[in-house]
Amino acid sequence: MRRFPPERLVCLTEETVETLYLLGEQDRIVGVSGYAVRPPEVRLKPRVSAFTSAKIDKILDLKPDLVLAFSDMQADIVAQLARAGVAVHLFNQRDLAGIFAMIRTLGALVGASDNAEALARTLEARVVEVSAARAAATRPRVYFEEWNDPMISAIGWVSELIEVAGGIDVFADRRGAAAATGRIVTPDAVLAARPDVIVASWCGRKVVPEQIASRPGWSDLPAVAGQRIVEIKSPLILQPGPAALTDGLDALVAALR
């Protein structure tokens, strides 16, 4: 018999882990993604997955009441768990509105709707406050690089946060693409966009600014000439959850000052 609210949760994504901690529901978590690092005490939880792969047997041994997953990238994991009779909720938030909806939905799933509503409202107010504070700032043109080979521009929530932080995403027209392939850009497209700032977060890999600066023809870009190539660690900005709305947004504001 499945319980409500679920007593045993496995989280295959970092943002659901952090949200549950912020809601005070961390004791329900029995397994997490290997990439989960926020808050630090999450490191004590059993690691059961990467992003596109998971230890299905280990997850089943934990006897979860519910597994929380994210996006089409985890569809194969979800299918395996569903065939094994495990209840799964697959989130797919790609923009700021989706992040706030995720927080509220997750709160409802664990019987913590009031706390989730309070958390969502607090984070919404913070975004509005930062946007207002940065409204009068000079708005630099920003190229955000999520991956370097192929070069992939900012996903929806990152693109929106660039604007909140006072910048202009030079590839904002691509942020609504359903898949990362829709955000692939060419070196020539970046040259034509002439960004003032390059912000890079290579999805788990260390950014090498010298590698970016040495791309053919890029030495003339304002961002390169002005030595404004900035790394933001992926756990801060590429998680569509509280981290991106707090430390990630703060890092963007610092990069664009």
Protein backbone atom coordinates (compact mmCIF):
# COMPACT_ATOMS: atom_id res chain seq x y z
CA MET A 1 0.00 0.00 0.00
CA ARG A 2 1.39 3.38 -1.01
CA ARG A 3 1.46 6.06 1.67
CA PHE A 4 0.39 9.68 1.51
CA PRO A 5 2.30 11.71 2.14
CA PRO A 6 5.11 9.44 0.93
CA GLU A 7 7.50 8.48 3.72
CA ARG A 8 10.37 7.28 1.52
CA LEU A 9 11.53 9.48 -1.36
CA VAL A 10 14.29 8.96 -3.89
CA CYS A 11 15.39 12.18 -5.61
CA LEU A 12 17.17 11.79 -8.95
CA THR A 13 17.66 15.55 -9.29
CA GLU A 14 19.41 18.10 -7.13
CA GLU A 15 16.70 20.73 -7.10
CA THR A 16 14.11 18.44 -5.52
CA VAL A 17 16.63 17.52 -2.81
CA GLU A 18 17.34 21.16 -1.93
CA THR A 19 13.65 22.05 -2.01
CA LEU A 20 12.78 19.24 0.39
CA TYR A 21 15.46 20.41 2.81
CA LEU A 22 14.13 23.96 2.64
CA LEU A 23 10.65 22.61 3.38
CA GLY A 24 11.96 20.69 6.39
CA GLU A 25 11.05 17.37 4.75
CA GLN A 26 14.57 15.98 4.36
CA ASP A 27 13.94 12.97 6.60
CA ARG A 28 11.77 11.51 3.84
CA ILE A 29 14.75 11.31 1.47
CA VAL A 30 16.29 7.82 1.31
CA GLY A 31 18.33 8.18 -1.89
CA VAL A 32 19.73 11.02 -4.01
CA SER A 33 21.51 11.91 -7.23
CA GLY A 34 25.28 11.67 -7.16
CA TYR A 35 25.36 15.35 -8.11
CA ALA A 36 23.42 16.54 -5.06
CA VAL A 37 25.60 18.87 -2.98
CA ARG A 38 23.16 21.34 -1.40
CA PRO A 39 22.94 21.49 1.56
CA PRO A 40 26.24 19.86 2.58
CA GLU A 41 24.54 17.30 4.85
CA VAL A 42 22.93 15.70 1.80
CA ARG A 43 26.27 13.98 1.21
CA LEU A 44 25.27 11.53 3.95
CA LYS A 45 22.36 10.23 1.88
CA PRO A 46 22.82 7.11 -0.30
CA ARG A 47 23.82 7.92 -3.89
CA VAL A 48 21.70 6.06 -6.43
CA SER A 49 22.04 7.86 -9.77
CA ALA A 50 23.94 10.09 -12.12
CA PHE A 51 21.85 12.32 -14.39
CA THR A 52 21.07 9.95 -17.26
CA SER A 53 21.73 6.65 -15.48
CA ALA A 54 20.68 5.09 -12.21
CA LYS A 55 21.27 2.02 -10.08
CA ILE A 56 17.81 0.57 -10.46
CA ASP A 57 18.44 -2.37 -8.13
CA LYS A 58 19.71 -0.04 -5.42
CA ILE A 59 16.65 2.21 -5.81
CA LEU A 60 14.34 -0.81 -5.53
CA ASP A 61 16.18 -2.00 -2.42
CA LEU A 62 15.35 1.34 -0.78
CA LYS A 63 11.62 0.61 -1.26
CA PRO A 64 10.65 4.20 -2.15
CA ASP A 65 7.05 5.34 -1.99
CA LEU A 66 7.87 7.89 -4.71
CA VAL A 67 10.80 8.69 -7.01
CA LEU A 68 11.29 12.27 -8.22
CA ALA A 69 12.87 12.72 -11.64
CA PHE A 70 13.44 15.48 -14.19
CA SER A 71 13.05 15.89 -17.95
CA ASP A 72 13.26 13.69 -21.01
CA MET A 73 16.90 12.99 -20.09
CA GLN A 74 15.65 10.68 -17.33
CA ALA A 75 12.81 9.13 -19.31
CA ASP A 76 14.56 5.76 -19.63
CA ILE A 77 15.15 5.61 -15.86
CA VAL A 78 11.50 6.48 -15.24
CA ALA A 79 10.33 3.78 -17.65
CA GLN A 80 12.41 1.12 -15.88
CA LEU A 81 11.08 2.15 -12.49
CA ALA A 82 7.50 2.26 -13.73
CA ARG A 83 7.81 -1.25 -15.15
CA ALA A 84 9.07 -2.34 -11.73
CA GLY A 85 5.92 -0.93 -10.14
CA VAL A 86 7.48 2.18 -8.59
CA ALA A 87 5.52 5.44 -8.42
CA VAL A 88 7.39 8.25 -10.18
CA HIS A 89 6.78 11.98 -10.61
CA LEU A 90 8.66 13.50 -13.55
CA PHE A 91 9.15 17.26 -13.39
CA ASN A 92 10.05 19.22 -16.51
CA GLN A 93 10.42 22.87 -15.46
CA ARG A 94 12.34 24.94 -18.01
CA ASP A 95 11.61 28.53 -16.95
CA LEU A 96 11.10 30.60 -13.81
CA ALA A 97 7.36 30.01 -13.74
CA GLY A 98 8.04 26.29 -13.97
CA ILE A 99 10.47 26.43 -11.04
CA PHE A 100 7.88 28.09 -8.80
CA ALA A 101 5.28 25.54 -9.93
CA MET A 102 7.72 22.70 -9.13
CA ILE A 103 8.16 23.98 -5.57
CA ARG A 104 4.41 24.19 -5.02
CA THR A 105 3.76 20.80 -6.62
CA LEU A 106 6.49 19.12 -4.59
CA GLY A 107 5.04 20.64 -1.45
CA ALA A 108 1.64 19.20 -2.29
CA LEU A 109 3.15 15.78 -2.99
CA VAL A 110 4.69 15.59 0.49
CA GLY A 111 1.83 17.23 2.39
CA ALA A 112 3.67 20.51 2.95
CA SER A 113 1.65 22.86 0.77
CA ASP A 114 1.69 25.80 3.18
CA ASN A 115 5.45 25.73 3.59
CA ALA A 116 5.92 25.33 -0.16
CA GLU A 117 3.68 28.30 -0.87
CA ALA A 118 5.66 30.41 1.60
CA LEU A 119 8.96 29.32 0.03
CA ALA A 120 7.73 30.01 -3.50
CA ARG A 121 6.45 33.46 -2.55
CA THR A 122 9.73 34.32 -0.83
CA LEU A 123 11.74 33.33 -3.91
CA GLU A 124 9.34 35.14 -6.25
CA ALA A 125 9.71 38.31 -4.17
CA ARG A 126 13.49 37.98 -4.28
CA VAL A 127 13.52 37.78 -8.07
CA VAL A 128 11.29 40.86 -8.30
CA GLU A 129 13.52 42.73 -5.83
CA VAL A 130 16.72 41.95 -7.74
CA SER A 131 15.10 42.85 -11.05
CA ALA A 132 14.00 46.22 -9.67
CA ALA A 133 17.43 46.92 -8.21
CA ARG A 134 19.12 46.16 -11.55
CA ALA A 135 16.58 47.91 -13.78
CA ALA A 136 18.59 51.12 -14.10
CA ALA A 137 21.95 49.40 -14.66
CA THR A 138 23.78 49.42 -17.97
CA ARG A 139 22.63 46.26 -19.69
CA PRO A 140 25.59 44.30 -21.07
CA ARG A 141 25.10 41.82 -23.87
CA VAL A 142 25.64 38.32 -22.48
CA TYR A 143 26.52 35.00 -24.09
CA PHE A 144 25.88 32.15 -21.65
CA GLU A 145 27.63 28.91 -22.58
CA GLU A 146 26.11 25.79 -21.04
CA TRP A 147 28.40 23.46 -22.96
CA ASN A 148 31.44 23.94 -25.17
CA ASP A 149 31.33 21.10 -27.72
CA PRO A 150 28.91 21.68 -29.27
CA MET A 151 28.41 25.20 -27.98
CA ILE A 152 25.04 25.43 -26.25
CA SER A 153 23.42 28.69 -25.15
CA ALA A 154 21.28 29.41 -22.07
CA ILE A 155 18.27 27.29 -21.16
CA GLY A 156 15.03 29.09 -20.30
CA TRP A 157 15.45 29.87 -16.60
CA VAL A 158 19.08 30.93 -17.07
CA SER A 159 18.15 33.26 -19.91
CA GLU A 160 15.41 34.83 -17.79
CA LEU A 161 17.77 35.23 -14.83
CA ILE A 162 20.29 37.01 -17.05
CA GLU A 163 17.59 39.60 -17.72
CA VAL A 164 16.68 39.78 -14.02
CA ALA A 165 20.37 40.37 -13.23
CA GLY A 166 20.51 43.30 -15.64
CA GLY A 167 21.83 41.72 -18.83
CA ILE A 168 20.65 40.96 -22.35
CA ASP A 169 20.86 37.33 -23.41
CA VAL A 170 22.13 37.50 -27.00
CA PHE A 171 20.43 34.18 -27.77
CA ALA A 172 17.19 34.75 -25.86
CA ASP A 173 15.22 33.61 -28.92
CA ARG A 174 16.54 30.07 -28.37
CA ARG A 175 15.71 29.68 -24.69
CA GLY A 176 12.32 28.09 -25.32
CA ALA A 177 13.75 25.21 -27.37
CA ALA A 178 12.37 21.86 -26.24
CA ALA A 179 15.78 20.20 -26.36
CA ALA A 180 19.40 21.29 -26.00
CA THR A 181 19.91 20.72 -29.72
CA GLY A 182 17.71 23.75 -30.30
CA ARG A 183 20.17 25.89 -28.37
CA ILE A 184 23.32 24.91 -30.25
CA VAL A 185 25.13 27.99 -31.57
CA THR A 186 28.09 28.45 -33.87
CA PRO A 187 31.25 30.45 -33.21
CA ASP A 188 30.26 32.78 -36.04
CA ALA A 189 26.87 33.42 -34.40
CA VAL A 190 28.62 34.47 -31.18
CA LEU A 191 30.98 36.70 -33.16
CA ALA A 192 28.01 38.35 -34.81
CA ALA A 193 26.27 38.84 -31.44
CA ARG A 194 29.33 40.61 -29.96
CA PRO A 195 28.69 39.87 -26.27
CA ASP A 196 30.14 42.19 -23.63
CA VAL A 197 30.26 39.33 -21.11
CA ILE A 198 30.64 35.57 -21.53
CA VAL A 199 29.29 33.51 -18.66
CA ALA A 200 30.10 29.82 -18.82
CA SER A 201 28.89 26.82 -16.85
CA TRP A 202 29.94 23.59 -18.49
CA CYS A 203 27.47 21.28 -16.77
CA GLY A 204 29.80 19.60 -14.30
CA ARG A 205 33.12 20.35 -16.04
CA LYS A 206 35.56 23.08 -15.07
CA VAL A 207 35.44 26.03 -17.46
CA VAL A 208 38.71 26.97 -19.15
CA PRO A 209 38.52 30.72 -19.98
CA GLU A 210 41.71 30.52 -22.05
CA GLN A 211 40.08 27.94 -24.29
CA ILE A 212 37.14 30.25 -24.89
CA ALA A 213 39.34 33.29 -25.50
CA SER A 214 41.53 31.43 -28.00
CA ARG A 215 38.72 30.51 -30.39
CA PRO A 216 39.47 31.85 -33.88
CA GLY A 217 38.45 35.49 -34.19
CA TRP A 218 37.17 35.78 -30.63
CA SER A 219 40.00 38.00 -29.42
CA ASP A 220 38.10 40.95 -30.90
CA LEU A 221 34.92 40.25 -28.96
CA PRO A 222 34.22 42.89 -26.29
CA ALA A 223 33.94 40.12 -23.66
CA VAL A 224 37.34 38.67 -24.53
CA ALA A 225 39.12 41.99 -25.05
CA GLY A 226 37.73 43.20 -21.72
CA GLN A 227 38.63 39.93 -19.96
CA ARG A 228 35.02 39.37 -18.95
CA ILE A 229 34.78 35.59 -19.18
CA VAL A 230 33.18 34.36 -15.96
CA GLU A 231 32.52 30.84 -14.71
CA ILE A 232 29.47 30.04 -12.57
CA LYS A 233 29.53 26.56 -11.10
CA SER A 234 26.80 24.37 -12.55
CA PRO A 235 25.23 23.40 -9.17
CA LEU A 236 24.42 27.09 -8.68
CA ILE A 237 22.88 27.96 -12.03
CA LEU A 238 21.97 24.80 -13.97
CA GLN A 239 19.61 23.39 -11.34
CA PRO A 240 16.06 24.61 -12.00
CA GLY A 241 15.29 25.16 -8.34
CA PRO A 242 16.14 27.32 -5.31
CA ALA A 243 19.91 27.38 -5.99
CA ALA A 244 19.45 29.20 -9.31
CA LEU A 245 17.12 31.76 -7.72
CA THR A 246 19.51 32.55 -4.85
CA ASP A 247 23.25 31.92 -5.22
CA GLY A 248 22.99 31.50 -8.99
CA LEU A 249 21.22 34.82 -9.43
CA ASP A 250 23.70 36.51 -7.10
CA ALA A 251 26.59 35.14 -9.18
CA LEU A 252 25.00 36.49 -12.36
CA VAL A 253 24.56 39.93 -10.79
CA ALA A 254 28.23 39.93 -9.77
CA ALA A 255 29.31 38.87 -13.25
CA LEU A 256 27.36 41.66 -14.95
CA ARG A 257 28.35 44.58 -12.71
